[in-house]
Amino acid sequence: MSALTVYLKLYGDCFRKAATAIGKNPWTLLLPSLVLFARAWAGQLAFSLGILGGIVVTLATAALFSSYLYFAGELVKGGRISGRDLQRSFRAHLWPVVNVFFVVWIATLVLGLVVGENPSGAALLYALTIVAVVALNAVPEVIYLRESLAGTQTILVSWEFLKAQWIPWFAVNVPLLGALTLIAAYAQVPIVGTVFLGAALHVVMVFRGNLFQALDRTSHRQRMFLQRVGRQD
């Protein structure tokens, strides 16, 4: 069996698991859009708080991200969830998210100082942003599946995972990102478009969680071997 066949089957299995979990909890399709609306509301509220506004927005954003990652994680793990878990969800991954935010903030400040007066500073920052998006790509899954707490530890674990699994991970995540970008471009109606984009993002995130689990448990060689054994059986 070719590697392409093996990974197409793996992707299909992950999509089916995601669809099954979301099908049992269809209300979770609204979660990403609710997070976006709540984040926008918090930003408007914090504007009136002056210098404390930034801290308020950061903590509110971290709590909202924590809530979403909690529910996404429960879907991936096959747990039973309901709206009654909402209060617990805000603190479930709050500090891991805050720690990652802090590391990124410090890195942004340092980079700003280093390249601030460089004539090519804007282009360099853009390139480094792309590198950061790649390097931090699996951070959400590391937070709720590996339950990492420290910001630097989370980022390092994400990087190590991507070094080992970058081909099967990005082979499907890049097209999915492209699809989400197209949906965002055509979803022009503010509320309806945000809900539709959020639902699509939710399916992708739960798929990613299942894929992270599958890739994190085995190596490429093990996957190929298991497929060969399965065919012989």
C-alpha atoms as a PDB file:
ATOM      1  CA  MET A   1       0.000   0.000   0.000  1.00  0.00           C
ATOM      2  CA  SER A   2       1.429   3.397  -1.002  1.00  0.00           C
ATOM      3  CA  ALA A   3       2.078   6.198   1.489  1.00  0.00           C
ATOM      4  CA  LEU A   4      -0.540   8.327  -0.264  1.00  0.00           C
ATOM      5  CA  THR A   5      -3.198   5.670   0.294  1.00  0.00           C
ATOM      6  CA  VAL A   6      -2.195   5.265   3.934  1.00  0.00           C
ATOM      7  CA  TYR A   7      -2.469   8.973   4.667  1.00  0.00           C
ATOM      8  CA  LEU A   8      -5.663   9.490   2.705  1.00  0.00           C
ATOM      9  CA  LYS A   9      -7.179   6.731   4.828  1.00  0.00           C
ATOM     10  CA  LEU A  10      -5.799   8.389   7.978  1.00  0.00           C
ATOM     11  CA  TYR A  11      -7.272  11.757   6.989  1.00  0.00           C
ATOM     12  CA  GLY A  12     -10.591  10.113   6.185  1.00  0.00           C
ATOM     13  CA  ASP A  13     -10.687   8.407   9.585  1.00  0.00           C
ATOM     14  CA  CYS A  14      -9.933  11.709  11.335  1.00  0.00           C
ATOM     15  CA  PHE A  15     -12.662  13.518   9.399  1.00  0.00           C
ATOM     16  CA  ARG A  16     -15.167  10.788  10.243  1.00  0.00           C
ATOM     17  CA  LYS A  17     -14.293  10.997  13.935  1.00  0.00           C
ATOM     18  CA  ALA A  18     -14.646  14.774  13.827  1.00  0.00           C
ATOM     19  CA  ALA A  19     -17.991  14.579  12.017  1.00  0.00           C
ATOM     20  CA  THR A  20     -19.305  11.961  14.460  1.00  0.00           C
ATOM     21  CA  ALA A  21     -18.296  13.975  17.523  1.00  0.00           C
ATOM     22  CA  ILE A  22     -19.739  17.214  16.150  1.00  0.00           C
ATOM     23  CA  GLY A  23     -22.860  15.388  14.991  1.00  0.00           C
ATOM     24  CA  LYS A  24     -23.511  14.358  18.590  1.00  0.00           C
ATOM     25  CA  ASN A  25     -22.903  17.953  19.754  1.00  0.00           C
ATOM     26  CA  PRO A  26     -24.025  20.180  16.848  1.00  0.00           C
ATOM     27  CA  TRP A  27     -24.371  23.219  19.097  1.00  0.00           C
ATOM     28  CA  THR A  28     -20.576  23.372  19.305  1.00  0.00           C
ATOM     29  CA  LEU A  29     -20.521  24.628  15.694  1.00  0.00           C
ATOM     30  CA  LEU A  30     -21.498  28.022  17.149  1.00  0.00           C
ATOM     31  CA  LEU A  31     -18.553  28.184  19.556  1.00  0.00           C
ATOM     32  CA  PRO A  32     -15.941  29.873  17.295  1.00  0.00           C
ATOM     33  CA  SER A  33     -18.357  32.624  16.224  1.00  0.00           C
ATOM     34  CA  LEU A  34     -19.404  33.179  19.851  1.00  0.00           C
ATOM     35  CA  VAL A  35     -15.729  33.509  20.780  1.00  0.00           C
ATOM     36  CA  LEU A  36     -15.210  36.096  18.026  1.00  0.00           C
ATOM     37  CA  PHE A  37     -18.286  38.104  19.020  1.00  0.00           C
ATOM     38  CA  ALA A  38     -17.341  38.007  22.715  1.00  0.00           C
ATOM     39  CA  ARG A  39     -13.751  39.020  21.866  1.00  0.00           C
ATOM     40  CA  ALA A  40     -15.021  42.020  19.874  1.00  0.00           C
ATOM     41  CA  TRP A  41     -17.342  43.020  22.725  1.00  0.00           C
ATOM     42  CA  ALA A  42     -14.505  42.753  25.247  1.00  0.00           C
ATOM     43  CA  GLY A  43     -12.337  44.929  23.030  1.00  0.00           C
ATOM     44  CA  GLN A  44     -14.975  47.647  22.907  1.00  0.00           C
ATOM     45  CA  LEU A  45     -15.500  47.464  26.655  1.00  0.00           C
ATOM     46  CA  ALA A  46     -11.771  47.603  27.380  1.00  0.00           C
ATOM     47  CA  PHE A  47     -11.362  50.730  25.236  1.00  0.00           C
ATOM     48  CA  SER A  48     -12.988  52.759  28.003  1.00  0.00           C
ATOM     49  CA  LEU A  49     -10.577  51.398  30.614  1.00  0.00           C
ATOM     50  CA  GLY A  50      -7.536  53.197  29.279  1.00  0.00           C
ATOM     51  CA  ILE A  51      -4.161  51.640  30.084  1.00  0.00           C
ATOM     52  CA  LEU A  52      -5.778  48.613  31.750  1.00  0.00           C
ATOM     53  CA  GLY A  53      -7.723  47.867  28.595  1.00  0.00           C
ATOM     54  CA  GLY A  54      -4.927  45.848  27.019  1.00  0.00           C
ATOM     55  CA  ILE A  55      -4.628  43.597  30.066  1.00  0.00           C
ATOM     56  CA  VAL A  56      -8.392  43.100  30.175  1.00  0.00           C
ATOM     57  CA  VAL A  57      -8.551  42.194  26.478  1.00  0.00           C
ATOM     58  CA  THR A  58      -5.618  39.791  26.822  1.00  0.00           C
ATOM     59  CA  LEU A  59      -7.146  37.970  29.794  1.00  0.00           C
ATOM     60  CA  ALA A  60     -10.582  37.906  28.179  1.00  0.00           C
ATOM     61  CA  THR A  61      -9.125  36.546  24.944  1.00  0.00           C
ATOM     62  CA  ALA A  62      -7.164  33.897  26.849  1.00  0.00           C
ATOM     63  CA  ALA A  63     -10.304  32.847  28.767  1.00  0.00           C
ATOM     64  CA  LEU A  64     -12.316  32.621  25.536  1.00  0.00           C
ATOM     65  CA  PHE A  65      -9.582  30.596  23.827  1.00  0.00           C
ATOM     66  CA  SER A  66      -9.383  28.372  26.900  1.00  0.00           C
ATOM     67  CA  SER A  67     -13.107  27.754  26.705  1.00  0.00           C
ATOM     68  CA  TYR A  68     -12.997  26.838  23.045  1.00  0.00           C
ATOM     69  CA  LEU A  69      -9.972  24.558  23.435  1.00  0.00           C
ATOM     70  CA  TYR A  70     -11.691  22.796  26.324  1.00  0.00           C
ATOM     71  CA  PHE A  71     -14.723  21.914  24.217  1.00  0.00           C
ATOM     72  CA  ALA A  72     -12.606  21.015  21.174  1.00  0.00           C
ATOM     73  CA  GLY A  73     -10.508  18.754  23.370  1.00  0.00           C
ATOM     74  CA  GLU A  74     -13.543  17.015  24.818  1.00  0.00           C
ATOM     75  CA  LEU A  75     -14.846  16.364  21.302  1.00  0.00           C
ATOM     76  CA  VAL A  76     -11.505  14.877  20.261  1.00  0.00           C
ATOM     77  CA  LYS A  77     -11.271  12.766  23.413  1.00  0.00           C
ATOM     78  CA  GLY A  78     -14.832  11.529  22.994  1.00  0.00           C
ATOM     79  CA  GLY A  79     -16.060  13.012  26.247  1.00  0.00           C
ATOM     80  CA  ARG A  80     -19.646  13.990  26.944  1.00  0.00           C
ATOM     81  CA  ILE A  81     -20.082  17.764  26.922  1.00  0.00           C
ATOM     82  CA  SER A  82     -22.848  20.262  27.480  1.00  0.00           C
ATOM     83  CA  GLY A  83     -23.333  23.959  28.003  1.00  0.00           C
ATOM     84  CA  ARG A  84     -23.098  23.317  31.738  1.00  0.00           C
ATOM     85  CA  ASP A  85     -19.329  22.911  31.282  1.00  0.00           C
ATOM     86  CA  LEU A  86     -19.031  26.554  30.186  1.00  0.00           C
ATOM     87  CA  GLN A  87     -17.912  27.996  33.516  1.00  0.00           C
ATOM     88  CA  ARG A  88     -15.230  25.348  33.968  1.00  0.00           C
ATOM     89  CA  SER A  89     -14.047  25.760  30.392  1.00  0.00           C
ATOM     90  CA  PHE A  90     -12.900  29.367  30.901  1.00  0.00           C
ATOM     91  CA  ARG A  91     -10.231  28.329  33.398  1.00  0.00           C
ATOM     92  CA  ALA A  92      -9.418  24.863  32.018  1.00  0.00           C
ATOM     93  CA  HIS A  93      -6.533  26.068  29.821  1.00  0.00           C
ATOM     94  CA  LEU A  94      -6.388  29.724  30.869  1.00  0.00           C
ATOM     95  CA  TRP A  95      -2.809  29.848  32.144  1.00  0.00           C
ATOM     96  CA  PRO A  96      -1.270  27.786  29.335  1.00  0.00           C
ATOM     97  CA  VAL A  97      -2.859  30.206  26.855  1.00  0.00           C
ATOM     98  CA  VAL A  98      -1.720  33.239  28.863  1.00  0.00           C
ATOM     99  CA  ASN A  99       1.812  31.827  29.047  1.00  0.00           C
ATOM    100  CA  VAL A 100       1.963  31.379  25.262  1.00  0.00           C
ATOM    101  CA  PHE A 101       0.597  34.912  24.785  1.00  0.00           C
ATOM    102  CA  PHE A 102       3.330  36.213  27.100  1.00  0.00           C
ATOM    103  CA  VAL A 103       6.139  34.440  25.240  1.00  0.00           C
ATOM    104  CA  VAL A 104       4.840  35.708  21.894  1.00  0.00           C
ATOM    105  CA  TRP A 105       4.514  39.240  23.312  1.00  0.00           C
ATOM    106  CA  ILE A 106       8.113  39.223  24.594  1.00  0.00           C
ATOM    107  CA  ALA A 107       9.376  37.852  21.272  1.00  0.00           C
ATOM    108  CA  THR A 108       7.444  40.544  19.402  1.00  0.00           C
ATOM    109  CA  LEU A 109       8.964  43.296  21.560  1.00  0.00           C
ATOM    110  CA  VAL A 110      12.491  41.973  21.068  1.00  0.00           C
ATOM    111  CA  LEU A 111      12.061  41.601  17.318  1.00  0.00           C
ATOM    112  CA  GLY A 112      10.602  45.081  17.107  1.00  0.00           C
ATOM    113  CA  LEU A 113      13.684  46.509  18.807  1.00  0.00           C
ATOM    114  CA  VAL A 114      16.090  44.473  16.679  1.00  0.00           C
ATOM    115  CA  VAL A 115      14.596  45.228  13.266  1.00  0.00           C
ATOM    116  CA  GLY A 116      12.906  48.523  14.071  1.00  0.00           C
ATOM    117  CA  GLU A 117      15.450  50.750  12.288  1.00  0.00           C
ATOM    118  CA  ASN A 118      16.345  48.264   9.587  1.00  0.00           C
ATOM    119  CA  PRO A 119      15.291  49.517   6.113  1.00  0.00           C
ATOM    120  CA  SER A 120      14.038  46.023   5.353  1.00  0.00           C
ATOM    121  CA  GLY A 121      12.455  45.685   8.774  1.00  0.00           C
ATOM    122  CA  ALA A 122       8.856  45.350   7.539  1.00  0.00           C
ATOM    123  CA  ALA A 123       9.735  42.557   5.111  1.00  0.00           C
ATOM    124  CA  LEU A 124      11.806  40.800   7.757  1.00  0.00           C
ATOM    125  CA  LEU A 125       8.982  40.983  10.299  1.00  0.00           C
ATOM    126  CA  TYR A 126       6.571  39.604   7.713  1.00  0.00           C
ATOM    127  CA  ALA A 127       8.905  36.681   7.024  1.00  0.00           C
ATOM    128  CA  LEU A 128       9.344  36.019  10.745  1.00  0.00           C
ATOM    129  CA  THR A 129       5.569  36.129  11.201  1.00  0.00           C
ATOM    130  CA  ILE A 130       5.203  33.363   8.618  1.00  0.00           C
ATOM    131  CA  VAL A 131       7.887  31.346  10.415  1.00  0.00           C
ATOM    132  CA  ALA A 132       6.049  31.856  13.709  1.00  0.00           C
ATOM    133  CA  VAL A 133       2.733  30.731  12.203  1.00  0.00           C
ATOM    134  CA  VAL A 134       4.436  27.544  11.026  1.00  0.00           C
ATOM    135  CA  ALA A 135       6.355  26.930  14.250  1.00  0.00           C
ATOM    136  CA  LEU A 136       3.311  27.540  16.469  1.00  0.00           C
ATOM    137  CA  ASN A 137       0.858  25.709  14.246  1.00  0.00           C
ATOM    138  CA  ALA A 138       0.240  22.810  16.623  1.00  0.00           C
ATOM    139  CA  VAL A 139       0.178  24.898  19.817  1.00  0.00           C
ATOM    140  CA  PRO A 140      -3.629  24.602  20.330  1.00  0.00           C
ATOM    141  CA  GLU A 141      -3.459  20.819  20.138  1.00  0.00           C
ATOM    142  CA  VAL A 142      -0.434  20.669  22.434  1.00  0.00           C
ATOM    143  CA  ILE A 143      -2.303  22.749  25.029  1.00  0.00           C
ATOM    144  CA  TYR A 144      -5.402  20.596  25.232  1.00  0.00           C
ATOM    145  CA  LEU A 145      -4.008  17.156  24.325  1.00  0.00           C
ATOM    146  CA  ARG A 146      -0.568  17.283  25.921  1.00  0.00           C
ATOM    147  CA  GLU A 147      -1.831  19.601  28.691  1.00  0.00           C
ATOM    148  CA  SER A 148       1.342  21.669  28.602  1.00  0.00           C
ATOM    149  CA  LEU A 149       1.486  24.578  31.065  1.00  0.00           C
ATOM    150  CA  ALA A 150       4.634  26.626  30.435  1.00  0.00           C
ATOM    151  CA  GLY A 151       4.650  28.900  27.397  1.00  0.00           C
ATOM    152  CA  THR A 152       8.123  27.965  26.205  1.00  0.00           C
ATOM    153  CA  GLN A 153       7.450  24.281  26.854  1.00  0.00           C
ATOM    154  CA  THR A 154       4.261  24.414  24.783  1.00  0.00           C
ATOM    155  CA  ILE A 155       6.048  26.073  21.892  1.00  0.00           C
ATOM    156  CA  LEU A 156       8.966  23.619  22.033  1.00  0.00           C
ATOM    157  CA  VAL A 157       6.628  20.611  22.108  1.00  0.00           C
ATOM    158  CA  SER A 158       4.747  22.029  19.124  1.00  0.00           C
ATOM    159  CA  TRP A 159       8.020  22.510  17.264  1.00  0.00           C
ATOM    160  CA  GLU A 160       9.234  18.993  18.041  1.00  0.00           C
ATOM    161  CA  PHE A 161       5.945  17.528  16.861  1.00  0.00           C
ATOM    162  CA  LEU A 162       6.090  19.504  13.615  1.00  0.00           C
ATOM    163  CA  LYS A 163       9.706  18.491  12.980  1.00  0.00           C
ATOM    164  CA  ALA A 164       8.683  14.846  13.205  1.00  0.00           C
ATOM    165  CA  GLN A 165       5.331  15.082  11.404  1.00  0.00           C
ATOM    166  CA  TRP A 166       5.534  18.162   9.177  1.00  0.00           C
ATOM    167  CA  ILE A 167       4.750  16.363   5.913  1.00  0.00           C
ATOM    168  CA  PRO A 168       1.466  14.639   6.920  1.00  0.00           C
ATOM    169  CA  TRP A 169       0.472  17.612   9.087  1.00  0.00           C
ATOM    170  CA  PHE A 170       0.924  20.405   6.573  1.00  0.00           C
ATOM    171  CA  ALA A 171      -0.080  18.283   3.563  1.00  0.00           C
ATOM    172  CA  VAL A 172      -3.671  18.558   4.724  1.00  0.00           C
ATOM    173  CA  ASN A 173      -3.554  21.718   6.852  1.00  0.00           C
ATOM    174  CA  VAL A 174      -2.348  23.985   4.059  1.00  0.00           C
ATOM    175  CA  PRO A 175      -5.305  23.105   1.751  1.00  0.00           C
ATOM    176  CA  LEU A 176      -7.684  23.452   4.694  1.00  0.00           C
ATOM    177  CA  LEU A 177      -6.261  26.893   5.465  1.00  0.00           C
ATOM    178  CA  GLY A 178      -6.775  27.829   1.828  1.00  0.00           C
ATOM    179  CA  ALA A 179     -10.391  26.666   1.996  1.00  0.00           C
ATOM    180  CA  LEU A 180     -11.011  28.702   5.159  1.00  0.00           C
ATOM    181  CA  THR A 181      -9.443  31.755   3.506  1.00  0.00           C
ATOM    182  CA  LEU A 182     -11.818  31.402   0.539  1.00  0.00           C
ATOM    183  CA  ILE A 183     -14.788  31.055   2.873  1.00  0.00           C
ATOM    184  CA  ALA A 184     -13.687  34.174   4.753  1.00  0.00           C
ATOM    185  CA  ALA A 185     -13.344  36.070   1.465  1.00  0.00           C
ATOM    186  CA  TYR A 186     -16.859  35.192   0.319  1.00  0.00           C
ATOM    187  CA  ALA A 187     -18.603  35.328   3.709  1.00  0.00           C
ATOM    188  CA  GLN A 188     -19.282  39.052   3.556  1.00  0.00           C
ATOM    189  CA  VAL A 189     -22.491  39.227   5.633  1.00  0.00           C
ATOM    190  CA  PRO A 190     -21.182  40.225   9.094  1.00  0.00           C
ATOM    191  CA  ILE A 191     -23.151  37.957  11.433  1.00  0.00           C
ATOM    192  CA  VAL A 192     -24.160  35.136   9.093  1.00  0.00           C
ATOM    193  CA  GLY A 193     -20.723  35.084   7.494  1.00  0.00           C
ATOM    194  CA  THR A 194     -18.973  34.912  10.864  1.00  0.00           C
ATOM    195  CA  VAL A 195     -21.211  32.045  12.020  1.00  0.00           C
ATOM    196  CA  PHE A 196     -20.630  30.122   8.786  1.00  0.00           C
ATOM    197  CA  LEU A 197     -16.866  30.696   8.887  1.00  0.00           C
ATOM    198  CA  GLY A 198     -16.794  29.739  12.568  1.00  0.00           C
ATOM    199  CA  ALA A 199     -18.628  26.485  11.877  1.00  0.00           C
ATOM    200  CA  ALA A 200     -16.150  25.607   9.120  1.00  0.00           C
ATOM    201  CA  LEU A 201     -13.239  26.480  11.402  1.00  0.00           C
ATOM    202  CA  HIS A 202     -14.706  24.276  14.121  1.00  0.00           C
ATOM    203  CA  VAL A 203     -14.806  21.245  11.823  1.00  0.00           C
ATOM    204  CA  VAL A 204     -11.187  21.886  10.848  1.00  0.00           C
ATOM    205  CA  MET A 205     -10.077  22.272  14.474  1.00  0.00           C
ATOM    206  CA  VAL A 206     -11.707  19.034  15.632  1.00  0.00           C
ATOM    207  CA  PHE A 207     -10.222  17.279  12.604  1.00  0.00           C
ATOM    208  CA  ARG A 208      -6.796  18.681  13.517  1.00  0.00           C
ATOM    209  CA  GLY A 209      -7.156  17.399  17.053  1.00  0.00           C
ATOM    210  CA  ASN A 210      -7.891  13.887  15.825  1.00  0.00           C
ATOM    211  CA  LEU A 211      -5.009  14.113  13.361  1.00  0.00           C
ATOM    212  CA  PHE A 212      -2.625  15.327  16.071  1.00  0.00           C
ATOM    213  CA  GLN A 213      -3.580  12.364  18.226  1.00  0.00           C
ATOM    214  CA  ALA A 214      -3.100   9.909  15.386  1.00  0.00           C
ATOM    215  CA  LEU A 215       0.267  11.295  14.305  1.00  0.00           C
ATOM    216  CA  ASP A 216       1.554  11.754  17.840  1.00  0.00           C
ATOM    217  CA  ARG A 217       1.046   8.096  18.690  1.00  0.00           C
ATOM    218  CA  THR A 218       2.916   6.522  15.767  1.00  0.00           C
ATOM    219  CA  SER A 219       5.760   7.164  13.361  1.00  0.00           C
ATOM    220  CA  HIS A 220       5.550   6.999   9.569  1.00  0.00           C
ATOM    221  CA  ARG A 221       7.262   3.607   9.593  1.00  0.00           C
ATOM    222  CA  GLN A 222       4.797   2.235  12.129  1.00  0.00           C
ATOM    223  CA  ARG A 223       1.841   3.451  10.080  1.00  0.00           C
ATOM    224  CA  MET A 224       3.120   1.795   6.942  1.00  0.00           C
ATOM    225  CA  PHE A 225       3.824  -1.430   8.840  1.00  0.00           C
ATOM    226  CA  LEU A 226       0.370  -1.499  10.424  1.00  0.00           C
ATOM    227  CA  GLN A 227      -1.241  -1.045   7.036  1.00  0.00           C
ATOM    228  CA  ARG A 228       0.785  -3.913   5.570  1.00  0.00           C
ATOM    229  CA  VAL A 229      -0.169  -6.148   8.497  1.00  0.00           C
ATOM    230  CA  GLY A 230      -3.798  -5.169   8.096  1.00  0.00           C
ATOM    231  CA  ARG A 231      -3.773  -6.115   4.424  1.00  0.00           C
ATOM    232  CA  GLN A 232      -2.256  -9.520   5.204  1.00  0.00           C
ATOM    233  CA  ASP A 233      -4.962 -10.173   7.788  1.00  0.00           C
END
